[in-house]
Amino acid sequence: MNQLPSTPCYLNGAFTPLCDAKISVMDRGFIFGDGIYEVVPVYAGRPFRFAQHMARLERSLVEMRMANPHTREQWHGIAMGLIGHGAKAAGVAPDALHQLVYIQVTRGVAMRDHVMPTDITPTVFAMASPMRPPTPEQLEEGVACVTADDFRWEKAHIKSTSLLGSVFARQISFDAGALETVMFRHGYLSEAAASNVWVVKDGTVFGTPKDNLVLEGIRYGLIEELCKTLGIPYQLKRISRDEVLAADELLLSSATKEVLPVTLLDGEPVGQAAHRGQPGPIARQLYAAYQDAKAASTD
């Protein structure tokens, strides 16, 4: 049986032990999944690209017709409080621990009705947990993925707590002994269950367009910046399934995966020639540049 820790979380204006945190059963986040969330990586006590995460949180709230319950400065204060509590619980200084800060805002508590009420107070919850970055073996050998049709709703650009579609998609890869499920909608790449997907072909990094069919990961902007710094061509376009299968390299990106090479897709090695089935040169360059960006972060 999983035991919830006593590490403090943030709930509606106060820090309280996670094991004691309670919300109403009539919260619309529980009844409908009517809410949004963010996950901010924290390296050595510093939130990474915090402003970009807050900008996406604000975009999601606007799409959901919800007011932002806090200013960016208040969100930053909540995050730093959680980072401090998380480090204390681990018995280390904040700069000695990598963490994830999870933030969730639901529409609030009301009697069950599909229509969105406008006169209720949002429920605000946040917590910090230790980060588990890719293992040395995953970085050196790459990871396996499988493919599936994208059966989720068409508002994937909202970072919604309604994640049942992604849960099913991730279960597909878990059942197959793979790390992620790479999804296609009408024959074109969308994203993975909990990651963005990047295709490398002839030295260019290709990503899917920023539209309603994908969640714009914070690494979208970061990978574009890293490619520019490294002199690697970067382009967003609709990518067919055949182009994915013929990729020189295939990469995943997310807050926890950072930049992670895919070396096996549906049981077949990814890539061409010398590095077929192995992490390629662009994956290695982007990963190294990502580490430099983390070290230089001042958020």
C-alpha atoms as a PDB file:
ATOM      1  CA  MET A   1       0.000   0.000   0.000  1.00  0.00           C
ATOM      2  CA  ASN A   2       1.370   3.410  -0.985  1.00  0.00           C
ATOM      3  CA  GLN A   3       1.828   5.737   1.955  1.00  0.00           C
ATOM      4  CA  LEU A   4       1.601   9.465   1.227  1.00  0.00           C
ATOM      5  CA  PRO A   5       4.556  11.388   2.652  1.00  0.00           C
ATOM      6  CA  SER A   6       4.276  14.107   5.257  1.00  0.00           C
ATOM      7  CA  THR A   7       6.240  16.531   3.067  1.00  0.00           C
ATOM      8  CA  PRO A   8       4.387  19.870   2.927  1.00  0.00           C
ATOM      9  CA  CYS A   9       2.342  20.654  -0.148  1.00  0.00           C
ATOM     10  CA  TYR A  10       0.499  23.886  -0.963  1.00  0.00           C
ATOM     11  CA  LEU A  11      -3.298  23.866  -0.889  1.00  0.00           C
ATOM     12  CA  ASN A  12      -5.505  26.953  -1.150  1.00  0.00           C
ATOM     13  CA  GLY A  13      -3.177  29.421   0.517  1.00  0.00           C
ATOM     14  CA  ALA A  14      -1.379  27.279   3.069  1.00  0.00           C
ATOM     15  CA  PHE A  15       1.384  24.701   3.308  1.00  0.00           C
ATOM     16  CA  THR A  16       0.130  21.454   4.804  1.00  0.00           C
ATOM     17  CA  PRO A  17       1.464  17.878   5.002  1.00  0.00           C
ATOM     18  CA  LEU A  18       0.635  16.050   1.783  1.00  0.00           C
ATOM     19  CA  CYS A  19      -0.818  13.143   3.741  1.00  0.00           C
ATOM     20  CA  ASP A  20      -3.308  15.522   5.404  1.00  0.00           C
ATOM     21  CA  ALA A  21      -4.328  17.551   2.317  1.00  0.00           C
ATOM     22  CA  LYS A  22      -8.046  17.289   1.513  1.00  0.00           C
ATOM     23  CA  ILE A  23     -10.416  18.668  -1.121  1.00  0.00           C
ATOM     24  CA  SER A  24     -14.167  18.376  -1.543  1.00  0.00           C
ATOM     25  CA  VAL A  25     -15.589  15.416  -3.461  1.00  0.00           C
ATOM     26  CA  MET A  26     -17.576  18.047  -5.375  1.00  0.00           C
ATOM     27  CA  ASP A  27     -14.446  19.694  -6.713  1.00  0.00           C
ATOM     28  CA  ARG A  28     -14.833  19.899 -10.493  1.00  0.00           C
ATOM     29  CA  GLY A  29     -11.297  18.602 -10.884  1.00  0.00           C
ATOM     30  CA  PHE A  30     -12.455  15.357  -9.278  1.00  0.00           C
ATOM     31  CA  ILE A  31     -15.874  15.211 -10.951  1.00  0.00           C
ATOM     32  CA  PHE A  32     -14.938  16.372 -14.472  1.00  0.00           C
ATOM     33  CA  GLY A  33     -11.150  16.684 -14.666  1.00  0.00           C
ATOM     34  CA  ASP A  34     -11.988  20.386 -15.042  1.00  0.00           C
ATOM     35  CA  GLY A  35      -8.589  21.908 -14.421  1.00  0.00           C
ATOM     36  CA  ILE A  36      -5.084  22.551 -15.715  1.00  0.00           C
ATOM     37  CA  TYR A  37      -1.612  21.766 -14.465  1.00  0.00           C
ATOM     38  CA  GLU A  38       2.068  22.554 -14.930  1.00  0.00           C
ATOM     39  CA  VAL A  39       5.260  20.676 -14.073  1.00  0.00           C
ATOM     40  CA  VAL A  40       8.359  22.797 -13.521  1.00  0.00           C
ATOM     41  CA  PRO A  41      11.778  21.098 -13.353  1.00  0.00           C
ATOM     42  CA  VAL A  42      14.092  22.362 -10.623  1.00  0.00           C
ATOM     43  CA  TYR A  43      17.871  21.975 -10.893  1.00  0.00           C
ATOM     44  CA  ALA A  44      20.071  22.677  -7.881  1.00  0.00           C
ATOM     45  CA  GLY A  45      17.258  24.611  -6.221  1.00  0.00           C
ATOM     46  CA  ARG A  46      16.489  26.794  -9.276  1.00  0.00           C
ATOM     47  CA  PRO A  47      13.244  26.470 -11.297  1.00  0.00           C
ATOM     48  CA  PHE A  48      14.190  25.964 -14.954  1.00  0.00           C
ATOM     49  CA  ARG A  49      12.539  28.261 -17.521  1.00  0.00           C
ATOM     50  CA  PHE A  50       9.960  29.274 -14.946  1.00  0.00           C
ATOM     51  CA  ALA A  51       8.651  32.218 -16.981  1.00  0.00           C
ATOM     52  CA  GLN A  52       7.911  29.943 -19.937  1.00  0.00           C
ATOM     53  CA  HIS A  53       6.065  27.480 -17.704  1.00  0.00           C
ATOM     54  CA  MET A  54       3.990  30.308 -16.257  1.00  0.00           C
ATOM     55  CA  ALA A  55       3.199  31.594 -19.741  1.00  0.00           C
ATOM     56  CA  ARG A  56       1.873  28.161 -20.704  1.00  0.00           C
ATOM     57  CA  LEU A  57      -0.120  27.934 -17.464  1.00  0.00           C
ATOM     58  CA  GLU A  58      -1.684  31.286 -18.327  1.00  0.00           C
ATOM     59  CA  ARG A  59      -2.513  30.113 -21.869  1.00  0.00           C
ATOM     60  CA  SER A  60      -4.194  26.990 -20.511  1.00  0.00           C
ATOM     61  CA  LEU A  61      -6.233  29.025 -18.016  1.00  0.00           C
ATOM     62  CA  VAL A  62      -7.403  31.379 -20.761  1.00  0.00           C
ATOM     63  CA  GLU A  63      -8.476  28.422 -22.929  1.00  0.00           C
ATOM     64  CA  MET A  64     -10.380  27.003 -19.941  1.00  0.00           C
ATOM     65  CA  ARG A  65     -12.058  30.373 -19.191  1.00  0.00           C
ATOM     66  CA  MET A  66     -10.483  30.468 -15.740  1.00  0.00           C
ATOM     67  CA  ALA A  67      -8.868  33.417 -13.989  1.00  0.00           C
ATOM     68  CA  ASN A  68      -5.287  33.045 -12.821  1.00  0.00           C
ATOM     69  CA  PRO A  69      -5.500  32.836  -9.008  1.00  0.00           C
ATOM     70  CA  HIS A  70      -1.934  34.143  -8.527  1.00  0.00           C
ATOM     71  CA  THR A  71       0.575  36.522 -10.041  1.00  0.00           C
ATOM     72  CA  ARG A  72       3.822  35.135 -11.413  1.00  0.00           C
ATOM     73  CA  GLU A  73       5.617  36.482  -8.350  1.00  0.00           C
ATOM     74  CA  GLN A  74       3.188  34.632  -6.069  1.00  0.00           C
ATOM     75  CA  TRP A  75       3.600  31.415  -8.061  1.00  0.00           C
ATOM     76  CA  HIS A  76       7.367  31.789  -7.779  1.00  0.00           C
ATOM     77  CA  GLY A  77       7.079  32.208  -4.024  1.00  0.00           C
ATOM     78  CA  ILE A  78       4.941  29.079  -3.748  1.00  0.00           C
ATOM     79  CA  ALA A  79       7.443  27.126  -5.866  1.00  0.00           C
ATOM     80  CA  MET A  80      10.425  28.272  -3.811  1.00  0.00           C
ATOM     81  CA  GLY A  81       8.609  27.357  -0.594  1.00  0.00           C
ATOM     82  CA  LEU A  82       7.962  23.857  -1.910  1.00  0.00           C
ATOM     83  CA  ILE A  83      11.553  23.503  -3.097  1.00  0.00           C
ATOM     84  CA  GLY A  84      12.771  24.366   0.383  1.00  0.00           C
ATOM     85  CA  HIS A  85      10.371  21.916   2.034  1.00  0.00           C
ATOM     86  CA  GLY A  86      11.354  19.174  -0.412  1.00  0.00           C
ATOM     87  CA  ALA A  87      15.052  19.625   0.285  1.00  0.00           C
ATOM     88  CA  LYS A  88      14.459  19.671   4.035  1.00  0.00           C
ATOM     89  CA  ALA A  89      12.506  16.417   3.818  1.00  0.00           C
ATOM     90  CA  ALA A  90      15.409  14.856   1.920  1.00  0.00           C
ATOM     91  CA  GLY A  91      17.883  16.154   4.499  1.00  0.00           C
ATOM     92  CA  VAL A  92      19.918  18.159   1.991  1.00  0.00           C
ATOM     93  CA  ALA A  93      20.401  21.778   0.982  1.00  0.00           C
ATOM     94  CA  PRO A  94      18.055  23.001  -1.809  1.00  0.00           C
ATOM     95  CA  ASP A  95      20.964  23.347  -4.251  1.00  0.00           C
ATOM     96  CA  ALA A  96      21.855  19.671  -3.759  1.00  0.00           C
ATOM     97  CA  LEU A  97      18.564  18.270  -5.054  1.00  0.00           C
ATOM     98  CA  HIS A  98      16.813  18.146  -8.426  1.00  0.00           C
ATOM     99  CA  GLN A  99      13.030  18.312  -8.043  1.00  0.00           C
ATOM    100  CA  LEU A 100       9.758  18.700  -9.920  1.00  0.00           C
ATOM    101  CA  VAL A 101       7.176  21.272  -8.850  1.00  0.00           C
ATOM    102  CA  TYR A 102       3.675  20.201  -9.824  1.00  0.00           C
ATOM    103  CA  ILE A 103       0.998  22.928  -9.963  1.00  0.00           C
ATOM    104  CA  GLN A 104      -2.722  22.267 -10.446  1.00  0.00           C
ATOM    105  CA  VAL A 105      -5.640  24.674 -10.681  1.00  0.00           C
ATOM    106  CA  THR A 106      -9.208  23.364 -10.894  1.00  0.00           C
ATOM    107  CA  ARG A 107     -12.345  25.400 -11.433  1.00  0.00           C
ATOM    108  CA  GLY A 108     -13.400  24.781  -7.831  1.00  0.00           C
ATOM    109  CA  VAL A 109     -16.266  23.288  -5.857  1.00  0.00           C
ATOM    110  CA  ALA A 110     -19.865  23.322  -7.117  1.00  0.00           C
ATOM    111  CA  MET A 111     -22.844  21.029  -7.509  1.00  0.00           C
ATOM    112  CA  ARG A 112     -22.431  18.746 -10.483  1.00  0.00           C
ATOM    113  CA  ASP A 113     -23.417  20.469 -13.723  1.00  0.00           C
ATOM    114  CA  HIS A 114     -21.641  20.379 -17.060  1.00  0.00           C
ATOM    115  CA  VAL A 115     -22.047  24.149 -17.506  1.00  0.00           C
ATOM    116  CA  MET A 116     -19.023  26.063 -16.235  1.00  0.00           C
ATOM    117  CA  PRO A 117     -19.946  28.059 -13.103  1.00  0.00           C
ATOM    118  CA  THR A 118     -18.476  31.560 -12.900  1.00  0.00           C
ATOM    119  CA  ASP A 119     -18.949  32.380  -9.229  1.00  0.00           C
ATOM    120  CA  ILE A 120     -16.724  29.813  -7.514  1.00  0.00           C
ATOM    121  CA  THR A 121     -13.172  29.967  -6.172  1.00  0.00           C
ATOM    122  CA  PRO A 122     -10.500  27.893  -7.948  1.00  0.00           C
ATOM    123  CA  THR A 123      -8.807  25.088  -6.040  1.00  0.00           C
ATOM    124  CA  VAL A 124      -5.027  25.592  -6.076  1.00  0.00           C
ATOM    125  CA  PHE A 125      -2.720  22.695  -5.276  1.00  0.00           C
ATOM    126  CA  ALA A 126       1.046  22.324  -5.675  1.00  0.00           C
ATOM    127  CA  MET A 127       3.718  19.920  -4.507  1.00  0.00           C
ATOM    128  CA  ALA A 128       7.401  19.149  -5.005  1.00  0.00           C
ATOM    129  CA  SER A 129       8.874  15.704  -5.571  1.00  0.00           C
ATOM    130  CA  PRO A 130      12.341  14.351  -6.391  1.00  0.00           C
ATOM    131  CA  MET A 131      13.180  14.303 -10.087  1.00  0.00           C
ATOM    132  CA  ARG A 132      14.212  11.078 -11.791  1.00  0.00           C
ATOM    133  CA  PRO A 133      16.162  12.131 -14.896  1.00  0.00           C
ATOM    134  CA  PRO A 134      17.118   9.698 -17.678  1.00  0.00           C
ATOM    135  CA  THR A 135      19.532   7.028 -16.546  1.00  0.00           C
ATOM    136  CA  PRO A 136      23.075   6.801 -17.946  1.00  0.00           C
ATOM    137  CA  GLU A 137      22.025   3.591 -19.706  1.00  0.00           C
ATOM    138  CA  GLN A 138      19.079   5.305 -21.408  1.00  0.00           C
ATOM    139  CA  LEU A 139      21.298   8.135 -22.610  1.00  0.00           C
ATOM    140  CA  GLU A 140      24.003   5.779 -23.853  1.00  0.00           C
ATOM    141  CA  GLU A 141      21.744   3.156 -25.445  1.00  0.00           C
ATOM    142  CA  GLY A 142      18.571   5.086 -26.218  1.00  0.00           C
ATOM    143  CA  VAL A 143      15.048   3.878 -25.455  1.00  0.00           C
ATOM    144  CA  ALA A 144      12.335   1.806 -27.109  1.00  0.00           C
ATOM    145  CA  CYS A 145       8.982   3.260 -28.194  1.00  0.00           C
ATOM    146  CA  VAL A 146       5.883   1.926 -29.915  1.00  0.00           C
ATOM    147  CA  THR A 147       3.403   3.659 -32.206  1.00  0.00           C
ATOM    148  CA  ALA A 148      -0.372   4.089 -31.988  1.00  0.00           C
ATOM    149  CA  ASP A 149      -3.165   6.159 -33.468  1.00  0.00           C
ATOM    150  CA  ASP A 150      -3.828   9.363 -31.546  1.00  0.00           C
ATOM    151  CA  PHE A 151      -7.285   8.754 -30.088  1.00  0.00           C
ATOM    152  CA  ARG A 152      -7.314  11.746 -27.732  1.00  0.00           C
ATOM    153  CA  TRP A 153      -9.457  14.887 -27.975  1.00  0.00           C
ATOM    154  CA  GLU A 154      -8.526  17.726 -30.334  1.00  0.00           C
ATOM    155  CA  LYS A 155      -7.575  20.277 -27.683  1.00  0.00           C
ATOM    156  CA  ALA A 156      -4.243  18.726 -26.811  1.00  0.00           C
ATOM    157  CA  HIS A 157      -2.693  22.216 -26.580  1.00  0.00           C
ATOM    158  CA  ILE A 158      -4.396  22.691 -23.185  1.00  0.00           C
ATOM    159  CA  LYS A 159      -2.375  21.159 -20.352  1.00  0.00           C
ATOM    160  CA  SER A 160      -5.543  19.750 -18.869  1.00  0.00           C
ATOM    161  CA  THR A 161      -5.917  17.431 -15.903  1.00  0.00           C
ATOM    162  CA  SER A 162      -8.277  15.357 -18.092  1.00  0.00           C
ATOM    163  CA  LEU A 163      -5.504  12.914 -18.945  1.00  0.00           C
ATOM    164  CA  LEU A 164      -7.299   9.606 -19.464  1.00  0.00           C
ATOM    165  CA  GLY A 165      -6.336   9.546 -23.156  1.00  0.00           C
ATOM    166  CA  SER A 166      -2.668   9.982 -22.291  1.00  0.00           C
ATOM    167  CA  VAL A 167      -2.970   7.382 -19.536  1.00  0.00           C
ATOM    168  CA  PHE A 168      -4.250   4.834 -22.068  1.00  0.00           C
ATOM    169  CA  ALA A 169      -1.546   5.825 -24.549  1.00  0.00           C
ATOM    170  CA  ARG A 170       1.225   5.402 -21.970  1.00  0.00           C
ATOM    171  CA  GLN A 171      -0.237   2.049 -20.919  1.00  0.00           C
ATOM    172  CA  ILE A 172       0.169   0.819 -24.502  1.00  0.00           C
ATOM    173  CA  SER A 173       3.937   1.338 -24.291  1.00  0.00           C
ATOM    174  CA  PHE A 174       4.143  -0.018 -20.747  1.00  0.00           C
ATOM    175  CA  ASP A 175       2.393  -3.220 -21.785  1.00  0.00           C
ATOM    176  CA  ALA A 176       4.884  -3.557 -24.658  1.00  0.00           C
ATOM    177  CA  GLY A 177       7.894  -3.015 -22.411  1.00  0.00           C
ATOM    178  CA  ALA A 178       8.652   0.347 -24.049  1.00  0.00           C
ATOM    179  CA  LEU A 179       9.136   3.825 -22.618  1.00  0.00           C
ATOM    180  CA  GLU A 180       6.720   5.862 -24.732  1.00  0.00           C
ATOM    181  CA  THR A 181       3.918   5.689 -27.293  1.00  0.00           C
ATOM    182  CA  VAL A 182       4.508   7.808 -30.406  1.00  0.00           C
ATOM    183  CA  MET A 183       1.126   8.830 -31.783  1.00  0.00           C
ATOM    184  CA  PHE A 184      -0.166   9.670 -35.239  1.00  0.00           C
ATOM    185  CA  ARG A 185      -3.349  11.460 -36.234  1.00  0.00           C
ATOM    186  CA  HIS A 186      -4.582  10.742 -39.785  1.00  0.00           C
ATOM    187  CA  GLY A 187      -1.113   9.510 -40.731  1.00  0.00           C
ATOM    188  CA  TYR A 188       0.834  12.457 -39.325  1.00  0.00           C
ATOM    189  CA  LEU A 189       2.933  12.673 -36.179  1.00  0.00           C
ATOM    190  CA  SER A 190       1.330  14.434 -33.220  1.00  0.00           C
ATOM    191  CA  GLU A 191       3.282  13.664 -30.019  1.00  0.00           C
ATOM    192  CA  ALA A 192       3.927  10.921 -27.489  1.00  0.00           C
ATOM    193  CA  ALA A 193       1.826  10.135 -24.419  1.00  0.00           C
ATOM    194  CA  ALA A 194       3.843  12.472 -22.184  1.00  0.00           C
ATOM    195  CA  SER A 195       6.540  13.863 -24.474  1.00  0.00           C
ATOM    196  CA  ASN A 196       7.113  15.869 -27.613  1.00  0.00           C
ATOM    197  CA  VAL A 197       8.741  13.972 -30.503  1.00  0.00           C
ATOM    198  CA  TRP A 198      11.518  15.248 -32.787  1.00  0.00           C
ATOM    199  CA  VAL A 199      12.654  13.811 -36.100  1.00  0.00           C
ATOM    200  CA  VAL A 200      16.196  14.305 -37.410  1.00  0.00           C
ATOM    201  CA  LYS A 201      16.724  13.920 -41.149  1.00  0.00           C
ATOM    202  CA  ASP A 202      19.762  14.980 -43.176  1.00  0.00           C
ATOM    203  CA  GLY A 203      21.039  17.125 -40.319  1.00  0.00           C
ATOM    204  CA  THR A 204      17.775  19.048 -39.710  1.00  0.00           C
ATOM    205  CA  VAL A 205      15.664  18.804 -36.560  1.00  0.00           C
ATOM    206  CA  PHE A 206      11.959  18.639 -37.425  1.00  0.00           C
ATOM    207  CA  GLY A 207       9.079  19.114 -34.997  1.00  0.00           C
ATOM    208  CA  THR A 208       5.310  19.171 -35.350  1.00  0.00           C
ATOM    209  CA  PRO A 209       3.504  22.524 -35.701  1.00  0.00           C
ATOM    210  CA  LYS A 210       2.313  24.387 -32.611  1.00  0.00           C
ATOM    211  CA  ASP A 211      -1.401  23.842 -33.008  1.00  0.00           C
ATOM    212  CA  ASN A 212      -4.320  22.356 -31.105  1.00  0.00           C
ATOM    213  CA  LEU A 213      -3.190  18.789 -31.787  1.00  0.00           C
ATOM    214  CA  VAL A 214      -0.061  18.911 -29.623  1.00  0.00           C
ATOM    215  CA  LEU A 215       0.922  20.321 -26.277  1.00  0.00           C
ATOM    216  CA  GLU A 216       3.620  22.908 -26.876  1.00  0.00           C
ATOM    217  CA  GLY A 217       6.315  21.632 -24.569  1.00  0.00           C
ATOM    218  CA  ILE A 218       8.585  24.186 -22.928  1.00  0.00           C
ATOM    219  CA  ARG A 219      11.404  22.395 -24.725  1.00  0.00           C
ATOM    220  CA  TYR A 220       9.987  23.603 -28.064  1.00  0.00           C
ATOM    221  CA  GLY A 221      11.500  27.010 -27.484  1.00  0.00           C
ATOM    222  CA  LEU A 222      14.589  25.615 -25.798  1.00  0.00           C
ATOM    223  CA  ILE A 223      15.412  23.136 -28.577  1.00  0.00           C
ATOM    224  CA  GLU A 224      14.970  25.897 -31.153  1.00  0.00           C
ATOM    225  CA  GLU A 225      17.433  28.045 -29.169  1.00  0.00           C
ATOM    226  CA  LEU A 226      19.895  25.173 -28.806  1.00  0.00           C
ATOM    227  CA  CYS A 227      19.718  24.353 -32.515  1.00  0.00           C
ATOM    228  CA  LYS A 228      20.424  27.985 -33.370  1.00  0.00           C
ATOM    229  CA  THR A 229      23.415  28.047 -31.022  1.00  0.00           C
ATOM    230  CA  LEU A 230      24.757  24.779 -32.446  1.00  0.00           C
ATOM    231  CA  GLY A 231      24.116  25.742 -36.072  1.00  0.00           C
ATOM    232  CA  ILE A 232      21.619  22.897 -36.562  1.00  0.00           C
ATOM    233  CA  PRO A 233      18.720  23.621 -38.964  1.00  0.00           C
ATOM    234  CA  TYR A 234      15.332  23.560 -37.212  1.00  0.00           C
ATOM    235  CA  GLN A 235      11.884  23.399 -38.813  1.00  0.00           C
ATOM    236  CA  LEU A 236       8.299  22.806 -37.720  1.00  0.00           C
ATOM    237  CA  LYS A 237       6.078  21.016 -40.228  1.00  0.00           C
ATOM    238  CA  ARG A 238       3.565  18.207 -40.601  1.00  0.00           C
ATOM    239  CA  ILE A 239       5.570  14.978 -40.433  1.00  0.00           C
ATOM    240  CA  SER A 240       4.192  11.829 -42.031  1.00  0.00           C
ATOM    241  CA  ARG A 241       4.451   8.381 -40.510  1.00  0.00           C
ATOM    242  CA  ASP A 242       6.796   7.347 -43.321  1.00  0.00           C
ATOM    243  CA  GLU A 243       9.104  10.244 -42.481  1.00  0.00           C
ATOM    244  CA  VAL A 244       9.200   9.148 -38.847  1.00  0.00           C
ATOM    245  CA  LEU A 245      10.027   5.572 -39.831  1.00  0.00           C
ATOM    246  CA  ALA A 246      12.793   6.823 -42.151  1.00  0.00           C
ATOM    247  CA  ALA A 247      14.314   9.218 -39.602  1.00  0.00           C
ATOM    248  CA  ASP A 248      18.072   9.379 -39.095  1.00  0.00           C
ATOM    249  CA  GLU A 249      17.378  10.052 -35.417  1.00  0.00           C
ATOM    250  CA  LEU A 250      14.263  10.186 -33.265  1.00  0.00           C
ATOM    251  CA  LEU A 251      14.169  12.163 -30.005  1.00  0.00           C
ATOM    252  CA  LEU A 252      11.803  12.643 -27.079  1.00  0.00           C
ATOM    253  CA  SER A 253      11.686  15.801 -24.969  1.00  0.00           C
ATOM    254  CA  SER A 254       9.912  16.635 -21.731  1.00  0.00           C
ATOM    255  CA  ALA A 255      10.626  18.105 -18.310  1.00  0.00           C
ATOM    256  CA  THR A 256      11.822  14.741 -17.008  1.00  0.00           C
ATOM    257  CA  LYS A 257      13.241  13.187 -20.193  1.00  0.00           C
ATOM    258  CA  GLU A 258      15.115  16.374 -21.203  1.00  0.00           C
ATOM    259  CA  VAL A 259      16.428  15.213 -24.630  1.00  0.00           C
ATOM    260  CA  LEU A 260      16.275  11.445 -24.931  1.00  0.00           C
ATOM    261  CA  PRO A 261      17.157   9.388 -28.040  1.00  0.00           C
ATOM    262  CA  VAL A 262      14.771   6.727 -29.322  1.00  0.00           C
ATOM    263  CA  THR A 263      16.720   3.813 -30.798  1.00  0.00           C
ATOM    264  CA  LEU A 264      13.958   1.217 -31.207  1.00  0.00           C
ATOM    265  CA  LEU A 265      10.485   1.874 -32.652  1.00  0.00           C
ATOM    266  CA  ASP A 266       7.939  -0.935 -32.902  1.00  0.00           C
ATOM    267  CA  GLY A 267      10.817  -3.387 -32.497  1.00  0.00           C
ATOM    268  CA  GLU A 268      12.838  -1.939 -35.404  1.00  0.00           C
ATOM    269  CA  PRO A 269      16.135  -0.042 -35.001  1.00  0.00           C
ATOM    270  CA  VAL A 270      15.903   3.706 -35.609  1.00  0.00           C
ATOM    271  CA  GLY A 271      18.377   5.462 -37.880  1.00  0.00           C
ATOM    272  CA  GLN A 272      20.589   4.825 -40.819  1.00  0.00           C
ATOM    273  CA  ALA A 273      24.141   3.667 -41.479  1.00  0.00           C
ATOM    274  CA  ALA A 274      26.718   3.818 -38.679  1.00  0.00           C
ATOM    275  CA  HIS A 275      24.456   4.812 -35.786  1.00  0.00           C
ATOM    276  CA  ARG A 276      21.441   2.666 -36.684  1.00  0.00           C
ATOM    277  CA  GLY A 277      19.865   1.551 -33.421  1.00  0.00           C
ATOM    278  CA  GLN A 278      22.160   3.850 -31.447  1.00  0.00           C
ATOM    279  CA  PRO A 279      21.922   7.478 -30.236  1.00  0.00           C
ATOM    280  CA  GLY A 280      22.981   9.775 -33.057  1.00  0.00           C
ATOM    281  CA  PRO A 281      25.276  12.808 -33.141  1.00  0.00           C
ATOM    282  CA  ILE A 282      22.525  15.430 -32.972  1.00  0.00           C
ATOM    283  CA  ALA A 283      20.972  13.767 -29.926  1.00  0.00           C
ATOM    284  CA  ARG A 284      24.347  13.917 -28.207  1.00  0.00           C
ATOM    285  CA  GLN A 285      24.898  17.564 -29.172  1.00  0.00           C
ATOM    286  CA  LEU A 286      21.460  18.654 -28.002  1.00  0.00           C
ATOM    287  CA  TYR A 287      21.771  16.751 -24.724  1.00  0.00           C
ATOM    288  CA  ALA A 288      25.141  18.361 -23.964  1.00  0.00           C
ATOM    289  CA  ALA A 289      23.794  21.825 -24.837  1.00  0.00           C
ATOM    290  CA  TYR A 290      20.738  21.158 -22.647  1.00  0.00           C
ATOM    291  CA  GLN A 291      23.029  20.474 -19.689  1.00  0.00           C
ATOM    292  CA  ASP A 292      24.851  23.752 -20.355  1.00  0.00           C
ATOM    293  CA  ALA A 293      21.510  25.587 -20.392  1.00  0.00           C
ATOM    294  CA  LYS A 294      20.579  24.051 -17.037  1.00  0.00           C
ATOM    295  CA  ALA A 295      23.878  25.090 -15.506  1.00  0.00           C
ATOM    296  CA  ALA A 296      23.457  28.651 -16.804  1.00  0.00           C
ATOM    297  CA  SER A 297      19.849  29.010 -15.626  1.00  0.00           C
ATOM    298  CA  THR A 298      19.170  31.874 -13.221  1.00  0.00           C
ATOM    299  CA  ASP A 299      15.395  31.381 -12.739  1.00  0.00           C
END
